[in-house]
């Protein structure tokens, strides 16, 4: 799946530019995201089975929600909706570059990212990014 890295970078750049008018830049993959972060997760089923997920620092996802909802202090529901919409945009574009046919689930948002226990899967793509000095991680996890 490393062959998808340039396309996933383009997808992340396009989503950040069109949704937020912000820059996202590739960085080394963090060994482990710690502290306050959210996970946006969307399942992909079909020819390829697994999930696309995005891990975003709490402060950054609050900033992104503020942009989407044009409010200085987004509510928990707005932050949840923004996280779901971000992974929906990222996952939908990733779905388009995977073998067909495939389908997307409704996005899930995990608030306590550090304590989430992943089901049996293999990380097939793991990419690090930064926006405004905050970490973002995009992964593809293939179901075993």
N, C-alpha and C. Protein backbone atom coordinates (compact mmCIF):
# COMPACT_ATOMS: atom_id res chain seq x y z
N UNK A 1 0.80 -1.21 0.00
CA UNK A 1 0.00 0.00 0.00
C UNK A 1 0.85 1.27 0.00
N UNK A 2 2.16 1.12 0.18
CA UNK A 2 3.02 2.30 0.14
C UNK A 2 2.90 3.03 -1.19
N UNK A 3 2.51 2.31 -2.24
CA UNK A 3 2.35 2.95 -3.55
C UNK A 3 1.24 4.00 -3.55
N UNK A 4 0.36 3.94 -2.55
CA UNK A 4 -0.74 4.91 -2.45
C UNK A 4 -0.34 6.20 -1.75
N UNK A 5 0.86 6.24 -1.16
CA UNK A 5 1.26 7.43 -0.39
C UNK A 5 1.14 8.74 -1.15
N UNK A 6 1.61 8.83 -2.40
CA UNK A 6 1.46 10.11 -3.10
C UNK A 6 0.00 10.52 -3.28
N UNK A 7 -0.87 9.54 -3.58
CA UNK A 7 -2.28 9.84 -3.77
C UNK A 7 -2.94 10.25 -2.45
N UNK A 8 -2.59 9.58 -1.36
CA UNK A 8 -3.17 9.93 -0.06
C UNK A 8 -2.68 11.32 0.37
N UNK A 9 -1.43 11.64 0.09
CA UNK A 9 -0.93 12.99 0.37
C UNK A 9 -1.74 14.02 -0.42
N UNK A 10 -1.99 13.73 -1.69
CA UNK A 10 -2.80 14.65 -2.51
C UNK A 10 -4.22 14.78 -1.95
N UNK A 11 -4.80 13.67 -1.50
CA UNK A 11 -6.15 13.69 -0.93
C UNK A 11 -6.18 14.56 0.32
N UNK A 12 -5.23 14.34 1.23
CA UNK A 12 -5.19 15.13 2.47
C UNK A 12 -5.01 16.61 2.16
N UNK A 13 -4.11 16.92 1.23
CA UNK A 13 -3.87 18.31 0.86
C UNK A 13 -5.13 18.95 0.29
N UNK A 14 -5.83 18.23 -0.58
CA UNK A 14 -7.06 18.74 -1.19
C UNK A 14 -8.14 18.97 -0.14
N UNK A 15 -8.33 18.02 0.76
CA UNK A 15 -9.35 18.17 1.80
C UNK A 15 -9.03 19.36 2.69
N UNK A 16 -7.79 19.48 3.13
CA UNK A 16 -7.42 20.60 4.01
C UNK A 16 -7.57 21.94 3.30
N UNK A 17 -7.19 21.97 2.03
CA UNK A 17 -7.27 23.22 1.28
C UNK A 17 -8.72 23.62 1.02
N UNK A 18 -9.55 22.67 0.57
CA UNK A 18 -10.93 23.02 0.21
C UNK A 18 -11.83 23.21 1.42
N UNK A 19 -11.65 22.41 2.46
CA UNK A 19 -12.53 22.52 3.62
C UNK A 19 -12.11 23.61 4.60
N UNK A 20 -10.80 23.83 4.72
CA UNK A 20 -10.32 24.70 5.80
C UNK A 20 -9.45 25.86 5.34
N UNK A 21 -9.02 25.84 4.08
CA UNK A 21 -8.06 26.83 3.56
C UNK A 21 -6.79 26.84 4.43
N UNK A 22 -6.38 25.63 4.85
CA UNK A 22 -5.17 25.46 5.65
C UNK A 22 -4.22 24.51 4.93
N UNK A 23 -2.97 24.56 5.33
CA UNK A 23 -1.94 23.70 4.76
C UNK A 23 -1.69 22.51 5.68
N UNK A 24 -1.60 21.34 5.08
CA UNK A 24 -1.20 20.13 5.80
C UNK A 24 0.06 19.62 5.11
N UNK A 25 1.08 19.30 5.89
CA UNK A 25 2.36 18.89 5.31
C UNK A 25 2.76 17.51 5.83
N UNK A 26 3.33 16.68 4.96
CA UNK A 26 3.81 15.37 5.40
C UNK A 26 4.92 15.51 6.44
N UNK A 27 4.91 14.61 7.41
CA UNK A 27 5.93 14.55 8.45
C UNK A 27 6.26 13.07 8.68
N UNK A 28 7.31 12.79 9.42
CA UNK A 28 7.52 11.39 9.82
C UNK A 28 6.32 10.91 10.64
N UNK A 29 6.03 9.62 10.52
CA UNK A 29 4.92 9.04 11.28
C UNK A 29 5.28 9.05 12.75
N UNK A 30 4.40 9.59 13.61
CA UNK A 30 4.71 9.56 15.04
C UNK A 30 4.73 8.12 15.54
N UNK A 31 5.65 7.83 16.46
CA UNK A 31 5.72 6.49 17.04
C UNK A 31 4.39 6.14 17.68
N UNK A 32 3.81 7.10 18.37
CA UNK A 32 2.52 6.92 19.01
C UNK A 32 1.97 8.30 19.33
N UNK A 33 0.72 8.54 18.94
CA UNK A 33 0.09 9.79 19.33
C UNK A 33 -0.29 9.67 20.80
N UNK A 34 0.03 10.67 21.55
CA UNK A 34 -0.29 10.64 22.97
C UNK A 34 -1.12 11.86 23.33
N UNK A 35 -1.80 11.74 24.44
CA UNK A 35 -2.57 12.87 24.94
C UNK A 35 -3.94 12.95 24.29
N UNK A 36 -4.38 14.17 24.08
CA UNK A 36 -5.73 14.47 23.63
C UNK A 36 -5.81 14.37 22.11
N UNK A 37 -6.43 13.30 21.59
CA UNK A 37 -6.67 13.22 20.15
C UNK A 37 -7.94 12.44 19.87
N UNK A 38 -8.48 12.67 18.69
CA UNK A 38 -9.71 12.01 18.24
C UNK A 38 -9.36 11.09 17.08
N UNK A 39 -10.14 10.01 16.96
CA UNK A 39 -10.00 9.11 15.83
C UNK A 39 -11.29 9.19 15.01
N UNK A 40 -11.15 9.48 13.73
CA UNK A 40 -12.25 9.36 12.78
C UNK A 40 -12.01 8.07 12.01
N UNK A 41 -13.02 7.23 11.92
CA UNK A 41 -12.86 5.87 11.39
C UNK A 41 -13.99 5.58 10.43
N UNK A 42 -13.65 5.02 9.27
CA UNK A 42 -14.68 4.62 8.31
C UNK A 42 -14.29 3.26 7.74
N UNK A 43 -15.23 2.33 7.73
CA UNK A 43 -14.96 0.98 7.24
C UNK A 43 -15.18 0.91 5.73
N UNK A 44 -14.33 0.14 5.09
CA UNK A 44 -14.42 -0.10 3.66
C UNK A 44 -14.59 -1.59 3.47
N UNK A 45 -15.64 -1.99 2.75
CA UNK A 45 -15.90 -3.41 2.52
C UNK A 45 -16.06 -3.66 1.02
N UNK A 46 -15.66 -4.83 0.60
CA UNK A 46 -15.77 -5.19 -0.81
C UNK A 46 -14.54 -5.95 -1.25
N UNK A 47 -13.97 -5.55 -2.37
CA UNK A 47 -12.75 -6.19 -2.87
C UNK A 47 -11.61 -6.04 -1.87
N UNK A 48 -11.57 -4.90 -1.20
CA UNK A 48 -10.59 -4.65 -0.12
C UNK A 48 -11.40 -4.43 1.15
N UNK A 49 -11.03 -5.08 2.25
CA UNK A 49 -11.77 -4.95 3.50
C UNK A 49 -10.87 -4.40 4.59
N UNK A 50 -11.34 -3.36 5.23
CA UNK A 50 -10.58 -2.76 6.32
C UNK A 50 -11.17 -1.42 6.69
N UNK A 51 -10.30 -0.51 7.10
CA UNK A 51 -10.78 0.81 7.49
C UNK A 51 -9.74 1.87 7.13
N UNK A 52 -10.25 3.06 6.96
CA UNK A 52 -9.39 4.24 6.87
C UNK A 52 -9.63 5.01 8.15
N UNK A 53 -8.57 5.48 8.77
CA UNK A 53 -8.76 6.28 9.97
C UNK A 53 -7.82 7.47 9.96
N UNK A 54 -8.28 8.50 10.66
CA UNK A 54 -7.48 9.70 10.83
C UNK A 54 -7.42 9.99 12.31
N UNK A 55 -6.23 10.23 12.80
CA UNK A 55 -6.02 10.59 14.20
C UNK A 55 -5.62 12.06 14.21
N UNK A 56 -6.37 12.88 14.92
CA UNK A 56 -6.15 14.33 14.92
C UNK A 56 -6.06 14.81 16.36
N UNK A 57 -5.10 15.67 16.64
CA UNK A 57 -4.98 16.21 17.99
C UNK A 57 -6.25 16.97 18.36
N UNK A 58 -6.60 16.92 19.64
CA UNK A 58 -7.79 17.61 20.14
C UNK A 58 -7.81 19.09 19.79
N UNK A 59 -6.72 19.83 20.06
CA UNK A 59 -6.73 21.26 19.73
C UNK A 59 -6.94 21.52 18.23
N UNK A 60 -6.35 20.69 17.38
CA UNK A 60 -6.51 20.92 15.94
C UNK A 60 -7.93 20.61 15.50
N UNK A 61 -8.51 19.51 15.96
CA UNK A 61 -9.86 19.18 15.51
C UNK A 61 -10.86 20.22 16.01
N UNK A 62 -10.62 20.81 17.17
CA UNK A 62 -11.48 21.92 17.63
C UNK A 62 -11.36 23.11 16.69
N UNK A 63 -10.14 23.42 16.25
CA UNK A 63 -9.93 24.52 15.30
C UNK A 63 -10.63 24.22 13.98
N UNK A 64 -10.53 22.99 13.50
CA UNK A 64 -11.17 22.62 12.24
C UNK A 64 -12.69 22.69 12.36
N UNK A 65 -13.24 22.25 13.48
CA UNK A 65 -14.68 22.35 13.71
C UNK A 65 -15.12 23.81 13.75
N UNK A 66 -14.31 24.66 14.36
CA UNK A 66 -14.63 26.09 14.41
C UNK A 66 -14.72 26.67 13.01
N UNK A 67 -13.84 26.22 12.12
CA UNK A 67 -13.88 26.70 10.73
C UNK A 67 -15.14 26.19 10.03
N UNK A 68 -15.41 24.90 10.14
CA UNK A 68 -16.57 24.31 9.47
C UNK A 68 -17.87 24.97 9.92
N UNK A 69 -18.00 25.19 11.22
CA UNK A 69 -19.26 25.69 11.77
C UNK A 69 -19.26 27.20 12.01
N UNK A 70 -18.18 27.87 11.61
CA UNK A 70 -18.09 29.33 11.74
C UNK A 70 -18.43 29.80 13.15
N UNK A 71 -17.78 29.18 14.12
CA UNK A 71 -18.01 29.53 15.52
C UNK A 71 -16.68 29.54 16.26
N UNK A 72 -16.49 30.46 17.19
CA UNK A 72 -15.21 30.49 17.90
C UNK A 72 -15.01 29.32 18.87
N UNK A 73 -16.10 28.78 19.40
CA UNK A 73 -16.00 27.68 20.35
C UNK A 73 -17.00 26.58 19.99
N UNK A 74 -16.57 25.61 19.18
CA UNK A 74 -17.50 24.56 18.76
C UNK A 74 -17.91 23.67 19.93
N UNK A 75 -19.13 23.17 19.84
CA UNK A 75 -19.65 22.25 20.85
C UNK A 75 -19.07 20.86 20.61
N UNK A 76 -19.28 19.98 21.58
CA UNK A 76 -18.84 18.59 21.44
C UNK A 76 -19.48 17.95 20.20
N UNK A 77 -20.76 18.20 19.98
CA UNK A 77 -21.44 17.64 18.81
C UNK A 77 -20.84 18.17 17.51
N UNK A 78 -20.48 19.44 17.48
CA UNK A 78 -19.86 20.01 16.28
C UNK A 78 -18.48 19.42 16.03
N UNK A 79 -17.73 19.21 17.10
CA UNK A 79 -16.41 18.58 16.97
C UNK A 79 -16.57 17.15 16.46
N UNK A 80 -17.55 16.43 16.99
CA UNK A 80 -17.83 15.06 16.54
C UNK A 80 -18.21 15.07 15.06
N UNK A 81 -19.12 15.96 14.68
CA UNK A 81 -19.55 16.04 13.28
C UNK A 81 -18.39 16.39 12.35
N UNK A 82 -17.55 17.32 12.78
CA UNK A 82 -16.40 17.73 11.95
C UNK A 82 -15.44 16.56 11.76
N UNK A 83 -15.16 15.82 12.83
CA UNK A 83 -14.25 14.67 12.73
C UNK A 83 -14.83 13.63 11.77
N UNK A 84 -16.12 13.37 11.89
CA UNK A 84 -16.78 12.42 10.99
C UNK A 84 -16.74 12.89 9.54
N UNK A 85 -16.96 14.17 9.32
CA UNK A 85 -16.93 14.70 7.95
C UNK A 85 -15.53 14.64 7.35
N UNK A 86 -14.52 14.90 8.17
CA UNK A 86 -13.13 14.83 7.67
C UNK A 86 -12.80 13.42 7.22
N UNK A 87 -13.11 12.41 8.04
CA UNK A 87 -12.78 11.03 7.62
C UNK A 87 -13.68 10.59 6.49
N UNK A 88 -14.88 11.10 6.41
CA UNK A 88 -15.76 10.78 5.29
C UNK A 88 -15.16 11.29 3.98
N UNK A 89 -14.62 12.50 3.99
CA UNK A 89 -13.98 13.07 2.79
C UNK A 89 -12.70 12.29 2.45
N UNK A 90 -11.86 12.06 3.46
CA UNK A 90 -10.62 11.32 3.23
C UNK A 90 -10.93 9.89 2.78
N UNK A 91 -11.80 9.20 3.52
CA UNK A 91 -12.14 7.81 3.21
C UNK A 91 -12.81 7.65 1.86
N UNK A 92 -13.69 8.58 1.51
CA UNK A 92 -14.36 8.51 0.22
C UNK A 92 -13.38 8.62 -0.94
N UNK A 93 -12.41 9.49 -0.78
CA UNK A 93 -11.39 9.64 -1.82
C UNK A 93 -10.44 8.45 -1.86
N UNK A 94 -10.12 7.88 -0.69
CA UNK A 94 -9.28 6.68 -0.67
C UNK A 94 -10.03 5.50 -1.29
N UNK A 95 -11.31 5.38 -0.99
CA UNK A 95 -12.13 4.31 -1.57
C UNK A 95 -12.01 4.31 -3.09
N UNK A 96 -11.96 5.49 -3.68
CA UNK A 96 -11.91 5.62 -5.13
C UNK A 96 -10.60 5.11 -5.74
N UNK A 97 -9.55 4.97 -4.93
CA UNK A 97 -8.27 4.48 -5.47
C UNK A 97 -7.99 3.03 -5.08
N UNK A 98 -8.92 2.40 -4.36
CA UNK A 98 -8.78 0.99 -3.98
C UNK A 98 -9.46 0.11 -5.02
N UNK A 99 -9.12 -1.19 -5.05
CA UNK A 99 -9.78 -2.09 -6.00
C UNK A 99 -11.30 -2.09 -5.79
N UNK A 100 -12.03 -2.12 -6.89
CA UNK A 100 -13.50 -2.10 -6.82
C UNK A 100 -14.04 -3.51 -6.99
N UNK A 101 -15.26 -3.76 -6.56
CA UNK A 101 -16.19 -2.85 -5.92
C UNK A 101 -15.91 -2.74 -4.42
N UNK A 102 -16.29 -1.63 -3.84
CA UNK A 102 -16.18 -1.45 -2.39
C UNK A 102 -17.21 -0.43 -1.93
N UNK A 103 -17.47 -0.45 -0.63
CA UNK A 103 -18.50 0.42 -0.04
C UNK A 103 -17.97 1.02 1.25
N UNK A 104 -18.46 2.21 1.58
CA UNK A 104 -18.08 2.89 2.83
C UNK A 104 -19.17 2.74 3.86
N UNK A 105 -18.77 2.65 5.12
CA UNK A 105 -19.72 2.69 6.23
C UNK A 105 -19.98 4.15 6.60
N UNK A 106 -20.85 4.34 7.54
CA UNK A 106 -21.03 5.64 8.17
C UNK A 106 -19.80 5.86 9.06
N UNK A 107 -19.28 7.08 9.15
CA UNK A 107 -18.09 7.31 9.98
C UNK A 107 -18.37 7.13 11.47
N UNK A 108 -17.36 6.66 12.18
CA UNK A 108 -17.38 6.60 13.64
C UNK A 108 -16.34 7.58 14.16
N UNK A 109 -16.60 8.12 15.34
CA UNK A 109 -15.64 9.02 15.99
C UNK A 109 -15.35 8.47 17.38
N UNK A 110 -14.08 8.30 17.68
CA UNK A 110 -13.65 7.82 18.99
C UNK A 110 -13.00 9.00 19.71
N UNK A 111 -13.56 9.36 20.86
CA UNK A 111 -13.08 10.54 21.59
C UNK A 111 -11.81 10.27 22.36
N UNK A 112 -11.72 9.14 22.99
CA UNK A 112 -10.54 8.82 23.80
C UNK A 112 -9.62 7.94 22.96
N UNK A 113 -8.96 8.56 21.99
CA UNK A 113 -8.15 7.82 21.04
C UNK A 113 -7.09 6.94 21.66
N UNK A 114 -6.46 7.43 22.72
CA UNK A 114 -5.36 6.69 23.33
C UNK A 114 -5.82 5.36 23.93
N UNK A 115 -7.08 5.29 24.36
CA UNK A 115 -7.56 4.08 25.02
C UNK A 115 -8.31 3.14 24.08
N UNK A 116 -8.40 3.47 22.78
CA UNK A 116 -9.15 2.64 21.84
C UNK A 116 -8.39 1.35 21.56
N UNK A 117 -9.11 0.23 21.57
CA UNK A 117 -8.53 -1.08 21.29
C UNK A 117 -8.94 -1.50 19.87
N UNK A 118 -7.97 -1.59 18.98
CA UNK A 118 -8.25 -1.93 17.59
C UNK A 118 -8.59 -3.41 17.44
N UNK A 119 -9.57 -3.73 16.57
CA UNK A 119 -9.84 -5.14 16.27
C UNK A 119 -8.69 -5.73 15.46
N UNK A 120 -8.75 -7.05 15.21
CA UNK A 120 -7.68 -7.70 14.45
C UNK A 120 -7.57 -7.10 13.05
N UNK A 121 -6.44 -6.47 12.80
CA UNK A 121 -6.18 -5.90 11.49
C UNK A 121 -4.68 -5.64 11.36
N UNK A 122 -4.28 -5.31 10.17
CA UNK A 122 -2.88 -4.99 9.90
C UNK A 122 -2.82 -3.58 9.33
N UNK A 123 -1.93 -2.77 9.86
CA UNK A 123 -1.74 -1.43 9.31
C UNK A 123 -1.00 -1.59 7.98
N UNK A 124 -1.66 -1.21 6.89
CA UNK A 124 -1.05 -1.35 5.57
C UNK A 124 -0.54 -0.02 5.02
N UNK A 125 -0.97 1.08 5.61
CA UNK A 125 -0.48 2.40 5.24
C UNK A 125 -0.53 3.27 6.48
N UNK A 126 0.56 3.96 6.77
CA UNK A 126 0.65 4.78 7.98
C UNK A 126 1.41 6.05 7.60
N UNK A 127 0.72 7.18 7.67
CA UNK A 127 1.32 8.44 7.22
C UNK A 127 1.16 9.52 8.27
N UNK A 128 2.19 10.32 8.45
CA UNK A 128 2.15 11.43 9.38
C UNK A 128 2.06 12.75 8.63
N UNK A 129 1.33 13.69 9.24
CA UNK A 129 1.18 15.04 8.70
C UNK A 129 1.18 16.01 9.87
N UNK A 130 1.27 17.29 9.54
CA UNK A 130 1.12 18.34 10.55
C UNK A 130 0.33 19.49 9.95
N UNK A 131 -0.46 20.12 10.79
CA UNK A 131 -1.19 21.32 10.43
C UNK A 131 -1.12 22.26 11.62
N UNK A 132 -0.63 23.46 11.39
CA UNK A 132 -0.47 24.44 12.46
C UNK A 132 0.28 23.86 13.66
N UNK A 133 1.29 23.04 13.37
CA UNK A 133 2.12 22.46 14.42
C UNK A 133 1.49 21.30 15.17
N UNK A 134 0.30 20.87 14.76
CA UNK A 134 -0.40 19.79 15.44
C UNK A 134 -0.35 18.52 14.58
N UNK A 135 -0.22 17.34 15.23
CA UNK A 135 -0.09 16.10 14.46
C UNK A 135 -1.41 15.59 13.90
N UNK A 136 -1.29 14.99 12.72
CA UNK A 136 -2.39 14.30 12.05
C UNK A 136 -1.79 12.99 11.53
N UNK A 137 -2.52 11.91 11.69
CA UNK A 137 -2.05 10.61 11.20
C UNK A 137 -3.17 9.98 10.39
N UNK A 138 -2.84 9.49 9.21
CA UNK A 138 -3.81 8.79 8.36
C UNK A 138 -3.31 7.36 8.19
N UNK A 139 -4.22 6.42 8.40
CA UNK A 139 -3.87 5.00 8.29
C UNK A 139 -4.91 4.25 7.47
N UNK A 140 -4.45 3.20 6.80
CA UNK A 140 -5.32 2.17 6.27
C UNK A 140 -5.03 0.92 7.06
N UNK A 141 -6.08 0.26 7.53
CA UNK A 141 -5.94 -0.97 8.32
C UNK A 141 -6.75 -2.05 7.62
N UNK A 142 -6.07 -3.09 7.17
CA UNK A 142 -6.74 -4.18 6.47
C UNK A 142 -7.20 -5.24 7.46
N UNK A 143 -8.47 -5.65 7.30
CA UNK A 143 -9.04 -6.67 8.16
C UNK A 143 -8.36 -8.00 7.91
N UNK A 144 -8.05 -8.71 9.01
CA UNK A 144 -7.39 -10.02 8.87
C UNK A 144 -8.41 -11.10 8.61
